[in-house]
């Protein structure tokens, strides 16, 4: 699994706190009613081990830009890029 940098995860975590739908999931997690979602050791909410990206347009844009700018991504096609970011 790709390890994200701490500043990036910190930004995601803070934005997750402002996402109403994710906060509803957090309540279900704390009540033991949600098994697919969880919170990792850094306090970042995940769905089946994957980071939950909150509905914050600026954050989504930053993620997409980083995916395109990364030296690991040569942009071999839309489907490949989607799978890499997913």
C-alpha atoms as a PDB file:
ATOM      1  CA  UNK A   1       0.000   0.000   0.000  1.00  0.00           C
ATOM      2  CA  UNK A   2       1.236   3.484  -0.874  1.00  0.00           C
ATOM      3  CA  UNK A   3       2.373   5.457   2.170  1.00  0.00           C
ATOM      4  CA  UNK A   4       1.261   9.085   2.129  1.00  0.00           C
ATOM      5  CA  UNK A   5       3.306  11.836   3.725  1.00  0.00           C
ATOM      6  CA  UNK A   6       2.230  12.997   7.173  1.00  0.00           C
ATOM      7  CA  UNK A   7       1.378  16.581   6.127  1.00  0.00           C
ATOM      8  CA  UNK A   8      -0.887  15.183   3.432  1.00  0.00           C
ATOM      9  CA  UNK A   9      -2.605  12.797   5.855  1.00  0.00           C
ATOM     10  CA  UNK A  10      -2.977  15.617   8.375  1.00  0.00           C
ATOM     11  CA  UNK A  11      -4.761  17.699   5.734  1.00  0.00           C
ATOM     12  CA  UNK A  12      -7.048  14.784   4.822  1.00  0.00           C
ATOM     13  CA  UNK A  13      -7.824  14.152   8.501  1.00  0.00           C
ATOM     14  CA  UNK A  14      -8.748  17.790   9.118  1.00  0.00           C
ATOM     15  CA  UNK A  15     -10.956  17.898   6.025  1.00  0.00           C
ATOM     16  CA  UNK A  16     -12.637  14.640   7.045  1.00  0.00           C
ATOM     17  CA  UNK A  17     -13.841  16.394  10.203  1.00  0.00           C
ATOM     18  CA  UNK A  18     -15.748  18.905   8.044  1.00  0.00           C
ATOM     19  CA  UNK A  19     -17.429  16.273   5.841  1.00  0.00           C
ATOM     20  CA  UNK A  20     -20.937  15.615   7.185  1.00  0.00           C
ATOM     21  CA  UNK A  21     -21.297  12.174   5.581  1.00  0.00           C
ATOM     22  CA  UNK A  22     -17.975  10.986   6.973  1.00  0.00           C
ATOM     23  CA  UNK A  23     -18.889  12.255  10.433  1.00  0.00           C
ATOM     24  CA  UNK A  24     -22.114  10.241  10.241  1.00  0.00           C
ATOM     25  CA  UNK A  25     -20.011   7.157   9.404  1.00  0.00           C
ATOM     26  CA  UNK A  26     -17.746   7.963  12.362  1.00  0.00           C
ATOM     27  CA  UNK A  27     -20.742   7.857  14.691  1.00  0.00           C
ATOM     28  CA  UNK A  28     -21.689   4.431  13.290  1.00  0.00           C
ATOM     29  CA  UNK A  29     -18.098   3.228  13.775  1.00  0.00           C
ATOM     30  CA  UNK A  30     -18.108   4.321  17.416  1.00  0.00           C
ATOM     31  CA  UNK A  31     -21.445   2.524  17.944  1.00  0.00           C
ATOM     32  CA  UNK A  32     -20.035  -0.647  16.384  1.00  0.00           C
ATOM     33  CA  UNK A  33     -22.576  -0.524  13.552  1.00  0.00           C
ATOM     34  CA  UNK A  34     -20.080  -0.075  10.712  1.00  0.00           C
ATOM     35  CA  UNK A  35     -17.528  -2.709   9.759  1.00  0.00           C
ATOM     36  CA  UNK A  36     -16.239  -1.490   6.378  1.00  0.00           C
ATOM     37  CA  UNK A  37     -15.164   1.909   7.719  1.00  0.00           C
ATOM     38  CA  UNK A  38     -12.575   2.446  10.431  1.00  0.00           C
ATOM     39  CA  UNK A  39     -10.101   4.912  11.857  1.00  0.00           C
ATOM     40  CA  UNK A  40      -6.390   4.131  11.637  1.00  0.00           C
ATOM     41  CA  UNK A  41      -3.663   4.776  14.223  1.00  0.00           C
ATOM     42  CA  UNK A  42      -3.210   8.326  12.840  1.00  0.00           C
ATOM     43  CA  UNK A  43      -6.912   9.188  13.223  1.00  0.00           C
ATOM     44  CA  UNK A  44      -7.561   9.012   9.465  1.00  0.00           C
ATOM     45  CA  UNK A  45     -10.868   7.469   8.420  1.00  0.00           C
ATOM     46  CA  UNK A  46     -10.557   4.599   5.962  1.00  0.00           C
ATOM     47  CA  UNK A  47     -12.908   2.428   3.956  1.00  0.00           C
ATOM     48  CA  UNK A  48     -11.610  -1.140   3.724  1.00  0.00           C
ATOM     49  CA  UNK A  49      -8.096   0.170   4.333  1.00  0.00           C
ATOM     50  CA  UNK A  50      -8.263   3.009   1.812  1.00  0.00           C
ATOM     51  CA  UNK A  51      -8.211   6.662   2.840  1.00  0.00           C
ATOM     52  CA  UNK A  52     -11.643   8.304   2.654  1.00  0.00           C
ATOM     53  CA  UNK A  53     -11.292  11.481   0.647  1.00  0.00           C
ATOM     54  CA  UNK A  54     -13.705  14.059   2.022  1.00  0.00           C
ATOM     55  CA  UNK A  55     -15.925  16.130  -0.253  1.00  0.00           C
ATOM     56  CA  UNK A  56     -13.632  19.159  -0.309  1.00  0.00           C
ATOM     57  CA  UNK A  57     -12.979  20.393  -3.861  1.00  0.00           C
ATOM     58  CA  UNK A  58      -9.593  21.949  -3.033  1.00  0.00           C
ATOM     59  CA  UNK A  59      -8.364  18.697  -1.484  1.00  0.00           C
ATOM     60  CA  UNK A  60      -9.585  16.616  -4.428  1.00  0.00           C
ATOM     61  CA  UNK A  61      -7.799  18.994  -6.808  1.00  0.00           C
ATOM     62  CA  UNK A  62      -4.597  18.712  -4.773  1.00  0.00           C
ATOM     63  CA  UNK A  63      -4.779  14.896  -4.913  1.00  0.00           C
ATOM     64  CA  UNK A  64      -5.304  14.868  -8.673  1.00  0.00           C
ATOM     65  CA  UNK A  65      -2.475  17.354  -9.240  1.00  0.00           C
ATOM     66  CA  UNK A  66      -0.122  15.292  -7.086  1.00  0.00           C
ATOM     67  CA  UNK A  67      -1.076  12.162  -9.011  1.00  0.00           C
ATOM     68  CA  UNK A  68      -0.244  13.856 -12.287  1.00  0.00           C
ATOM     69  CA  UNK A  69       2.940  15.487 -11.001  1.00  0.00           C
ATOM     70  CA  UNK A  70       4.332  12.366  -9.341  1.00  0.00           C
ATOM     71  CA  UNK A  71       7.444  10.861 -10.876  1.00  0.00           C
ATOM     72  CA  UNK A  72       5.843   7.449 -10.450  1.00  0.00           C
ATOM     73  CA  UNK A  73       2.986   8.330 -12.787  1.00  0.00           C
ATOM     74  CA  UNK A  74       3.627   8.629 -16.501  1.00  0.00           C
ATOM     75  CA  UNK A  75      -0.101   8.905 -17.244  1.00  0.00           C
ATOM     76  CA  UNK A  76      -0.427   5.759 -19.349  1.00  0.00           C
ATOM     77  CA  UNK A  77      -4.148   6.299 -19.830  1.00  0.00           C
ATOM     78  CA  UNK A  78      -7.342   7.322 -18.092  1.00  0.00           C
ATOM     79  CA  UNK A  79      -8.168   3.856 -16.757  1.00  0.00           C
ATOM     80  CA  UNK A  80      -4.652   3.285 -15.392  1.00  0.00           C
ATOM     81  CA  UNK A  81      -4.598   6.747 -13.819  1.00  0.00           C
ATOM     82  CA  UNK A  82      -7.988   6.115 -12.190  1.00  0.00           C
ATOM     83  CA  UNK A  83      -6.822   2.776 -10.793  1.00  0.00           C
ATOM     84  CA  UNK A  84      -3.605   4.317  -9.452  1.00  0.00           C
ATOM     85  CA  UNK A  85      -5.471   7.102  -7.676  1.00  0.00           C
ATOM     86  CA  UNK A  86      -8.182   4.763  -6.454  1.00  0.00           C
END
